[in-house]
Amino acid sequence: MGTMAVPPWLESLLSTAFFTVCTTHGDAARGECNMYCLDCKGDAFCFYCRSSKHKDHQVIQIRRSSYHDVVRVTEIQKVLDISGVQTYVINSARVLFLNERPQPKSGKGVAHICEICGRSLLDPFRFCSLGCKLVGTKRNGNASFSLEAKNEVVVMDRTRRESISKEEEELREGSQQDIYPPTPPPPPSSARRRKGIPHRAPFGS
């Protein structure tokens, strides 16, 4: 398995503390540390540090949703294959969670759960967060963050999907003939006319 299954900065990103106050720009309006540099792999930093120290680096911005760190899908999917991770729409942006959020085991009636922590998921994904995908990748080797590997998988998936949809079409066509009997011809028009104008006998006859 290639070493790129997990990029070198990912574990550092997932263990970084975000939303602390910047020691240099703490008094400024945007002085909280919610940026992470993929090139430096260091601590979180604020908006002002970014423009002074990380101008030409790959930087992603971390956001917050009910005390948990999230990252926008549009930002993270440029640098990571995030397939298999549950995404959510928060404030009209699609995001995913960096780390697992422990949850009391519900178990009943939950269709989809995270392979690693058992958290219930909205959709048929394998992981609730990047952190759980990281554990799954290291433990089983059947997941990867490598974008190179992803492109090959997409092509394989597409051909598999096409052949599946062809089979479904054939099944559908075959089954329609079995299930529905041929429609009977419409009855002749005279039989259909039940209520017409009532014909009364003329008066005075």
Protein backbone atom coordinates (compact mmCIF):
# COMPACT_ATOMS: atom_id res chain seq x y z
CA MET A 1 0.00 0.00 0.00
CA GLY A 2 1.38 3.41 -0.98
CA THR A 3 2.46 5.79 1.74
CA MET A 4 0.10 8.40 0.28
CA ALA A 5 -2.91 6.54 1.66
CA VAL A 6 -2.58 9.04 4.53
CA PRO A 7 -1.02 12.45 3.76
CA PRO A 8 1.75 13.50 6.15
CA TRP A 9 -0.17 16.50 7.53
CA LEU A 10 -3.47 14.80 8.32
CA GLU A 11 -2.73 13.42 11.78
CA SER A 12 -1.24 16.74 12.80
CA LEU A 13 -4.34 18.57 11.53
CA LEU A 14 -6.68 16.27 13.47
CA SER A 15 -4.78 16.73 16.73
CA THR A 16 -4.47 20.53 16.43
CA ALA A 17 -6.44 22.75 18.81
CA PHE A 18 -8.41 25.36 16.89
CA PHE A 19 -10.26 28.50 17.99
CA THR A 20 -7.69 29.52 20.57
CA VAL A 21 -6.82 33.21 20.72
CA CYS A 22 -3.77 34.17 18.64
CA THR A 23 -0.86 35.22 20.84
CA THR A 24 0.19 37.90 18.33
CA HIS A 25 -3.18 39.19 17.11
CA GLY A 26 -5.43 38.35 20.06
CA ASP A 27 -6.93 41.84 20.25
CA ALA A 28 -7.93 41.90 16.58
CA ALA A 29 -11.45 41.10 15.37
CA ARG A 30 -10.34 37.97 13.55
CA GLY A 31 -7.65 36.94 16.01
CA GLU A 32 -8.85 33.38 16.66
CA CYS A 33 -6.77 30.52 15.29
CA ASN A 34 -8.93 28.76 12.72
CA MET A 35 -6.43 28.28 9.88
CA TYR A 36 -4.14 25.33 9.22
CA CYS A 37 -1.19 25.22 6.82
CA LEU A 38 -0.68 21.92 4.98
CA ASP A 39 2.88 22.93 4.06
CA CYS A 40 4.10 23.90 7.54
CA LYS A 41 2.13 21.22 9.48
CA GLY A 42 2.41 23.43 12.58
CA ASP A 43 -0.10 24.93 14.97
CA ALA A 44 -3.30 26.69 14.06
CA PHE A 45 -3.03 30.41 13.28
CA CYS A 46 -5.30 33.36 12.64
CA PHE A 47 -6.37 35.31 9.56
CA TYR A 48 -3.60 37.89 10.06
CA CYS A 49 -0.83 35.31 10.53
CA ARG A 50 -1.95 33.72 7.28
CA SER A 51 -1.33 36.85 5.26
CA SER A 52 2.04 37.47 6.87
CA LYS A 53 3.54 33.96 7.13
CA HIS A 54 1.62 31.58 4.85
CA LYS A 55 0.88 33.67 1.77
CA ASP A 56 1.76 31.09 -0.88
CA HIS A 57 1.04 27.97 1.16
CA GLN A 58 -1.87 25.56 1.04
CA VAL A 59 -4.09 26.70 3.87
CA ILE A 60 -7.49 25.39 4.92
CA GLN A 61 -9.92 27.18 7.20
CA ILE A 62 -11.57 25.29 10.03
CA ARG A 63 -15.09 26.24 11.06
CA ARG A 64 -17.13 25.48 14.12
CA SER A 65 -20.46 23.72 14.46
CA SER A 66 -21.86 23.23 17.97
CA TYR A 67 -18.39 23.07 19.53
CA HIS A 68 -16.99 20.67 16.94
CA ASP A 69 -14.46 21.46 14.23
CA VAL A 70 -15.66 21.14 10.65
CA VAL A 71 -14.12 21.89 7.28
CA ARG A 72 -15.87 22.80 4.05
CA VAL A 73 -16.06 20.01 1.50
CA THR A 74 -15.06 22.43 -1.29
CA GLU A 75 -11.76 23.15 0.52
CA ILE A 76 -10.82 19.70 1.78
CA GLN A 77 -11.71 17.71 -1.35
CA LYS A 78 -8.95 19.53 -3.26
CA VAL A 79 -6.31 17.95 -1.02
CA LEU A 80 -7.93 14.72 0.25
CA ASP A 81 -10.11 11.94 -1.03
CA ILE A 82 -13.02 12.28 1.40
CA SER A 83 -15.11 9.45 -0.06
CA GLY A 84 -16.87 7.39 2.57
CA VAL A 85 -17.16 10.28 5.06
CA GLN A 86 -20.61 11.60 5.99
CA THR A 87 -21.12 15.25 4.98
CA TYR A 88 -23.65 17.72 6.35
CA VAL A 89 -25.08 21.03 5.17
CA ILE A 90 -24.57 23.70 7.83
CA ASN A 91 -25.33 27.36 7.07
CA SER A 92 -25.86 26.40 3.43
CA ALA A 93 -22.29 25.05 3.08
CA ARG A 94 -21.50 21.33 2.83
CA VAL A 95 -19.04 20.37 5.55
CA LEU A 96 -17.57 17.33 7.25
CA PHE A 97 -16.36 16.83 10.80
CA LEU A 98 -12.65 16.54 11.57
CA ASN A 99 -12.96 14.18 14.52
CA GLU A 100 -15.43 11.68 15.87
CA ARG A 101 -18.13 12.98 18.16
CA PRO A 102 -18.93 10.29 20.72
CA GLN A 103 -22.60 9.47 20.93
CA PRO A 104 -24.61 7.18 23.19
CA LYS A 105 -25.18 3.98 21.24
CA SER A 106 -28.67 4.19 19.83
CA GLY A 107 -28.60 0.93 17.92
CA LYS A 108 -32.35 0.70 17.27
CA GLY A 109 -33.66 1.55 13.87
CA VAL A 110 -30.42 3.15 12.69
CA ALA A 111 -29.76 2.20 9.09
CA HIS A 112 -26.22 3.55 8.77
CA ILE A 113 -23.48 3.70 11.37
CA CYS A 114 -19.82 4.71 11.38
CA GLU A 115 -17.56 1.64 10.99
CA ILE A 116 -15.17 2.94 13.64
CA CYS A 117 -17.16 4.64 16.42
CA GLY A 118 -20.68 3.41 15.74
CA ARG A 119 -22.18 6.89 15.44
CA SER A 120 -25.45 6.92 13.51
CA LEU A 121 -25.17 8.50 10.06
CA LEU A 122 -27.77 10.14 7.83
CA ASP A 123 -26.65 8.47 4.63
CA PRO A 124 -24.94 5.21 3.61
CA PHE A 125 -21.38 6.37 4.38
CA ARG A 126 -18.65 4.40 6.15
CA PHE A 127 -17.26 7.06 8.51
CA CYS A 128 -18.63 9.96 10.56
CA SER A 129 -15.47 12.08 10.31
CA LEU A 130 -11.97 12.37 8.88
CA GLY A 131 -10.62 11.01 12.17
CA CYS A 132 -12.63 7.79 11.86
CA LYS A 133 -11.62 7.39 8.22
CA LEU A 134 -7.99 7.76 9.33
CA VAL A 135 -8.42 4.93 11.85
CA GLY A 136 -10.14 2.80 9.20
CA THR A 137 -7.41 3.49 6.66
CA LYS A 138 -4.61 2.55 9.06
CA ARG A 139 -6.43 -0.43 10.55
CA ASN A 140 -7.89 -2.10 7.47
CA GLY A 141 -6.14 -0.49 4.53
CA ASN A 142 -9.45 -0.58 2.63
CA ALA A 143 -9.83 3.20 2.58
CA SER A 144 -7.51 5.87 1.26
CA PHE A 145 -7.14 9.64 1.27
CA SER A 146 -5.06 9.64 -1.90
CA LEU A 147 -6.63 11.60 -4.74
CA GLU A 148 -4.62 9.57 -7.28
CA ALA A 149 -6.23 6.35 -6.09
CA LYS A 150 -9.62 8.03 -6.06
CA ASN A 151 -9.58 8.76 -9.79
CA GLU A 152 -9.05 5.09 -10.62
CA VAL A 153 -11.84 4.07 -8.25
CA VAL A 154 -14.24 6.57 -9.82
CA VAL A 155 -13.69 5.03 -13.26
CA MET A 156 -14.20 1.52 -11.87
CA ASP A 157 -17.34 2.61 -10.06
CA ARG A 158 -18.73 4.24 -13.15
CA THR A 159 -18.36 1.14 -15.31
CA ARG A 160 -19.81 -0.97 -12.51
CA ARG A 161 -22.74 1.41 -12.14
CA GLU A 162 -23.42 1.37 -15.87
CA SER A 163 -23.53 -2.42 -15.99
CA ILE A 164 -25.78 -2.50 -12.91
CA SER A 165 -28.20 0.00 -14.38
CA LYS A 166 -28.33 -2.02 -17.64
CA GLU A 167 -29.22 -5.14 -15.65
CA GLU A 168 -31.92 -3.26 -13.78
CA GLU A 169 -33.41 -2.05 -17.04
CA GLU A 170 -33.51 -5.58 -18.42
CA LEU A 171 -35.12 -6.84 -15.22
CA ARG A 172 -37.68 -4.07 -15.34
CA GLU A 173 -38.56 -4.73 -18.97
CA GLY A 174 -38.85 -8.47 -18.41
CA SER A 175 -40.95 -8.13 -15.30
CA GLN A 176 -43.44 -5.72 -16.79
CA GLN A 177 -44.61 -8.35 -19.25
CA ASP A 178 -45.01 -10.92 -16.48
CA ILE A 179 -46.86 -8.72 -14.02
CA TYR A 180 -49.31 -6.78 -16.15
CA PRO A 181 -51.85 -8.76 -18.22
CA PRO A 182 -52.51 -7.33 -21.68
CA THR A 183 -55.02 -4.50 -21.46
CA PRO A 184 -58.48 -5.55 -22.73
CA PRO A 185 -59.86 -3.64 -25.71
CA PRO A 186 -62.27 -0.83 -24.76
CA PRO A 187 -65.95 -1.90 -24.76
CA PRO A 188 -68.05 -0.79 -27.74
CA SER A 189 -69.41 2.71 -27.34
CA SER A 190 -73.08 1.60 -27.10
CA ALA A 191 -72.41 -0.42 -23.93
CA ARG A 192 -70.77 2.54 -22.28
CA ARG A 193 -73.74 4.91 -22.62
CA ARG A 194 -75.71 4.12 -19.48
CA LYS A 195 -77.16 7.50 -18.62
CA GLY A 196 -78.46 9.52 -21.48
CA ILE A 197 -81.44 11.80 -21.81
CA PRO A 198 -84.47 9.94 -20.40
CA HIS A 199 -87.01 9.13 -23.14
CA ARG A 200 -90.49 9.70 -21.73
CA ALA A 201 -93.66 8.56 -23.35
CA PRO A 202 -95.42 11.52 -24.93
CA PHE A 203 -98.31 12.94 -22.88
CA GLY A 204 -101.92 12.45 -23.82
CA SER A 205 -101.52 9.29 -25.75
